N, C-alpha and C. Protein backbone atom coordinates (compact mmCIF):
# COMPACT_ATOMS: atom_id res chain seq x y z
N MET A 1 83.01 97.25 131.26
CA MET A 1 82.46 95.91 131.15
C MET A 1 83.28 95.05 130.20
N LEU A 2 83.55 95.56 129.00
CA LEU A 2 84.40 94.85 128.06
C LEU A 2 85.79 95.43 128.13
N GLU A 3 86.79 94.62 127.84
CA GLU A 3 88.17 95.08 127.91
C GLU A 3 88.74 95.25 126.50
N ILE A 4 89.48 96.34 126.31
CA ILE A 4 90.14 96.60 125.03
C ILE A 4 91.18 95.51 124.78
N ASP A 5 91.31 95.10 123.54
CA ASP A 5 92.23 94.06 123.08
C ASP A 5 91.82 92.66 123.51
N LYS A 6 90.59 92.49 123.94
CA LYS A 6 90.06 91.16 124.26
C LYS A 6 89.07 90.73 123.19
N VAL A 7 88.92 89.44 123.01
CA VAL A 7 88.01 88.89 122.02
C VAL A 7 86.68 88.56 122.69
N ILE A 8 85.59 88.94 122.02
CA ILE A 8 84.26 88.57 122.49
C ILE A 8 83.62 87.69 121.42
N VAL A 9 82.74 86.79 121.85
CA VAL A 9 82.04 85.90 120.93
C VAL A 9 80.55 86.23 121.01
N LEU A 10 79.97 86.56 119.87
CA LEU A 10 78.55 86.87 119.83
C LEU A 10 77.73 85.59 119.78
N GLU A 11 76.42 85.73 119.97
CA GLU A 11 75.55 84.55 119.98
C GLU A 11 75.64 83.75 118.68
N ASN A 12 75.92 84.45 117.57
CA ASN A 12 76.01 83.76 116.28
C ASN A 12 77.38 83.12 116.07
N LYS A 13 78.19 83.09 117.13
CA LYS A 13 79.52 82.46 117.17
C LYS A 13 80.61 83.26 116.45
N GLU A 14 80.29 84.47 115.96
CA GLU A 14 81.30 85.33 115.36
C GLU A 14 82.17 85.92 116.46
N GLU A 15 83.48 86.01 116.18
CA GLU A 15 84.41 86.55 117.15
C GLU A 15 84.83 87.96 116.74
N TYR A 16 84.84 88.85 117.73
CA TYR A 16 85.21 90.24 117.49
C TYR A 16 86.26 90.67 118.50
N LEU A 17 87.18 91.50 118.04
CA LEU A 17 88.19 92.09 118.89
C LEU A 17 87.71 93.47 119.32
N VAL A 18 87.78 93.75 120.62
CA VAL A 18 87.40 95.06 121.13
C VAL A 18 88.58 96.00 120.88
N LEU A 19 88.36 97.00 120.02
CA LEU A 19 89.43 97.91 119.63
C LEU A 19 89.54 99.14 120.52
N ASP A 20 88.40 99.67 120.93
CA ASP A 20 88.43 100.92 121.69
C ASP A 20 87.11 101.12 122.42
N LYS A 21 87.13 102.07 123.36
CA LYS A 21 85.94 102.37 124.15
C LYS A 21 85.90 103.87 124.41
N VAL A 22 84.71 104.45 124.30
CA VAL A 22 84.50 105.83 124.70
C VAL A 22 83.23 105.91 125.53
N ASN A 23 83.16 106.91 126.39
CA ASN A 23 81.96 107.15 127.17
C ASN A 23 81.34 108.44 126.67
N TYR A 24 80.07 108.36 126.32
CA TYR A 24 79.34 109.53 125.85
C TYR A 24 77.99 109.56 126.54
N ASP A 25 77.72 110.66 127.21
CA ASP A 25 76.42 110.86 127.86
C ASP A 25 76.09 109.72 128.84
N GLY A 26 77.13 109.25 129.55
CA GLY A 26 76.93 108.22 130.57
C GLY A 26 76.86 106.79 130.05
N THR A 27 77.08 106.59 128.76
CA THR A 27 77.02 105.25 128.16
C THR A 27 78.38 104.90 127.57
N ASP A 28 78.85 103.68 127.83
CA ASP A 28 80.10 103.20 127.23
C ASP A 28 79.79 102.61 125.85
N TYR A 29 80.53 103.09 124.86
CA TYR A 29 80.42 102.60 123.49
C TYR A 29 81.72 101.89 123.14
N TYR A 30 81.59 100.74 122.48
CA TYR A 30 82.76 99.94 122.12
C TYR A 30 82.83 99.81 120.61
N TYR A 31 84.05 99.95 120.08
CA TYR A 31 84.31 99.78 118.65
C TYR A 31 84.96 98.42 118.49
N ILE A 32 84.32 97.53 117.74
CA ILE A 32 84.81 96.16 117.61
C ILE A 32 85.04 95.80 116.14
N ALA A 33 85.92 94.84 115.91
CA ALA A 33 86.24 94.38 114.56
C ALA A 33 86.16 92.86 114.52
N LYS A 34 85.57 92.35 113.44
CA LYS A 34 85.42 90.90 113.28
C LYS A 34 86.78 90.25 112.99
N ILE A 35 87.01 89.13 113.64
CA ILE A 35 88.23 88.36 113.44
C ILE A 35 88.00 87.37 112.30
N ASN A 36 89.02 87.20 111.44
CA ASN A 36 88.86 86.29 110.30
C ASN A 36 88.79 84.84 110.75
N GLU A 37 88.46 83.96 109.83
CA GLU A 37 88.24 82.54 110.15
C GLU A 37 89.49 81.85 110.70
N THR A 38 90.66 82.27 110.26
CA THR A 38 91.89 81.64 110.74
C THR A 38 92.39 82.28 112.04
N GLU A 39 91.64 83.29 112.51
CA GLU A 39 91.95 83.98 113.77
C GLU A 39 93.35 84.60 113.75
N THR A 40 93.78 85.07 112.58
CA THR A 40 95.10 85.67 112.46
C THR A 40 95.04 87.18 112.20
N ASP A 41 93.87 87.70 111.85
CA ASP A 41 93.75 89.11 111.51
C ASP A 41 92.29 89.53 111.65
N ILE A 42 92.05 90.82 111.50
CA ILE A 42 90.67 91.29 111.53
C ILE A 42 90.20 91.54 110.10
N GLU A 43 88.90 91.38 109.91
CA GLU A 43 88.29 91.63 108.61
C GLU A 43 87.87 93.09 108.54
N ASN A 44 87.44 93.51 107.39
CA ASN A 44 86.95 94.87 107.21
C ASN A 44 85.47 94.92 107.60
N ASN A 45 85.18 94.49 108.82
CA ASN A 45 83.81 94.43 109.33
C ASN A 45 83.84 94.96 110.76
N TYR A 46 83.36 96.18 110.93
CA TYR A 46 83.41 96.85 112.22
C TYR A 46 82.00 97.13 112.72
N LYS A 47 81.87 97.18 114.03
CA LYS A 47 80.57 97.49 114.65
C LYS A 47 80.79 98.43 115.83
N LEU A 48 79.77 99.20 116.10
CA LEU A 48 79.73 100.03 117.29
C LEU A 48 78.66 99.42 118.18
N ILE A 49 79.03 99.08 119.42
CA ILE A 49 78.09 98.38 120.31
C ILE A 49 78.04 99.03 121.68
N ILE A 50 76.99 98.68 122.41
CA ILE A 50 76.87 99.01 123.83
C ILE A 50 76.52 97.72 124.56
N VAL A 51 76.76 97.70 125.86
CA VAL A 51 76.38 96.56 126.68
C VAL A 51 75.27 97.02 127.62
N LYS A 52 74.14 96.32 127.57
CA LYS A 52 72.99 96.66 128.40
C LYS A 52 72.65 95.51 129.33
N GLU A 53 71.98 95.85 130.40
CA GLU A 53 71.48 94.85 131.34
C GLU A 53 70.03 94.53 130.95
N LYS A 54 69.75 93.25 130.73
CA LYS A 54 68.39 92.85 130.36
C LYS A 54 68.04 91.55 131.06
N ASP A 55 67.03 91.59 131.87
CA ASP A 55 66.58 90.41 132.63
C ASP A 55 67.72 89.79 133.43
N GLY A 56 68.57 90.62 134.01
CA GLY A 56 69.67 90.14 134.83
C GLY A 56 70.88 89.66 134.05
N ASN A 57 70.85 89.77 132.74
CA ASN A 57 71.97 89.35 131.89
C ASN A 57 72.54 90.55 131.16
N LYS A 58 73.81 90.47 130.82
CA LYS A 58 74.43 91.51 130.01
C LYS A 58 74.22 91.16 128.54
N VAL A 59 73.71 92.12 127.78
CA VAL A 59 73.37 91.91 126.38
C VAL A 59 74.10 92.95 125.53
N ILE A 60 74.70 92.50 124.44
CA ILE A 60 75.38 93.40 123.51
C ILE A 60 74.38 93.84 122.46
N GLU A 61 74.31 95.16 122.27
CA GLU A 61 73.43 95.72 121.25
C GLU A 61 74.25 96.54 120.28
N GLU A 62 74.01 96.34 119.00
CA GLU A 62 74.69 97.13 117.98
C GLU A 62 74.04 98.51 117.90
N VAL A 63 74.88 99.54 117.81
CA VAL A 63 74.38 100.90 117.67
C VAL A 63 74.09 101.12 116.19
N THR A 64 72.87 101.54 115.90
CA THR A 64 72.46 101.80 114.52
C THR A 64 71.84 103.19 114.45
N GLY A 65 71.56 103.60 113.28
CA GLY A 65 70.97 104.92 113.07
C GLY A 65 72.04 105.93 112.69
N GLU A 66 71.84 106.55 111.57
CA GLU A 66 72.86 107.46 111.03
C GLU A 66 73.20 108.59 111.99
N ASP A 67 72.20 109.17 112.62
CA ASP A 67 72.46 110.29 113.53
C ASP A 67 73.32 109.87 114.71
N LYS A 68 73.00 108.74 115.30
CA LYS A 68 73.75 108.23 116.45
C LYS A 68 75.19 107.91 116.05
N LEU A 69 75.36 107.24 114.91
CA LEU A 69 76.70 106.89 114.44
C LEU A 69 77.53 108.14 114.13
N ARG A 70 76.92 109.15 113.55
CA ARG A 70 77.64 110.40 113.26
C ARG A 70 78.07 111.12 114.52
N THR A 71 77.33 110.94 115.58
CA THR A 71 77.68 111.55 116.86
C THR A 71 78.79 110.79 117.57
N ILE A 72 78.70 109.47 117.61
CA ILE A 72 79.61 108.65 118.42
C ILE A 72 80.92 108.32 117.71
N LEU A 73 80.88 107.93 116.45
CA LEU A 73 82.10 107.49 115.76
C LEU A 73 83.25 108.50 115.80
N PRO A 74 83.01 109.79 115.62
CA PRO A 74 84.14 110.74 115.68
C PRO A 74 84.84 110.79 117.04
N LEU A 75 84.17 110.38 118.08
CA LEU A 75 84.77 110.37 119.42
C LEU A 75 85.93 109.38 119.51
N PHE A 76 85.93 108.35 118.67
CA PHE A 76 86.98 107.35 118.70
C PHE A 76 88.27 107.86 118.08
N ASP A 77 88.22 108.92 117.31
CA ASP A 77 89.41 109.48 116.68
C ASP A 77 90.28 110.28 117.63
N LYS A 78 89.73 110.64 118.77
CA LYS A 78 90.46 111.52 119.71
C LYS A 78 91.45 110.77 120.54
């Protein structure tokens, strides 16, 4: 759904660069980094997200919860 090395804009107007994607248990997880205000680099602000279908629209949800993050984040190192 999302493409690596592409910029996405969240509802709050923050821009993030899609760094990587892994599939775990049938779900695509994306690792994204916030782009700085001058749009020249990324900040030290990273998120793990999924894209879900809700009411016919695609919605980005941040992955939270220590157990889930401990399971998914190491997959990006491979």
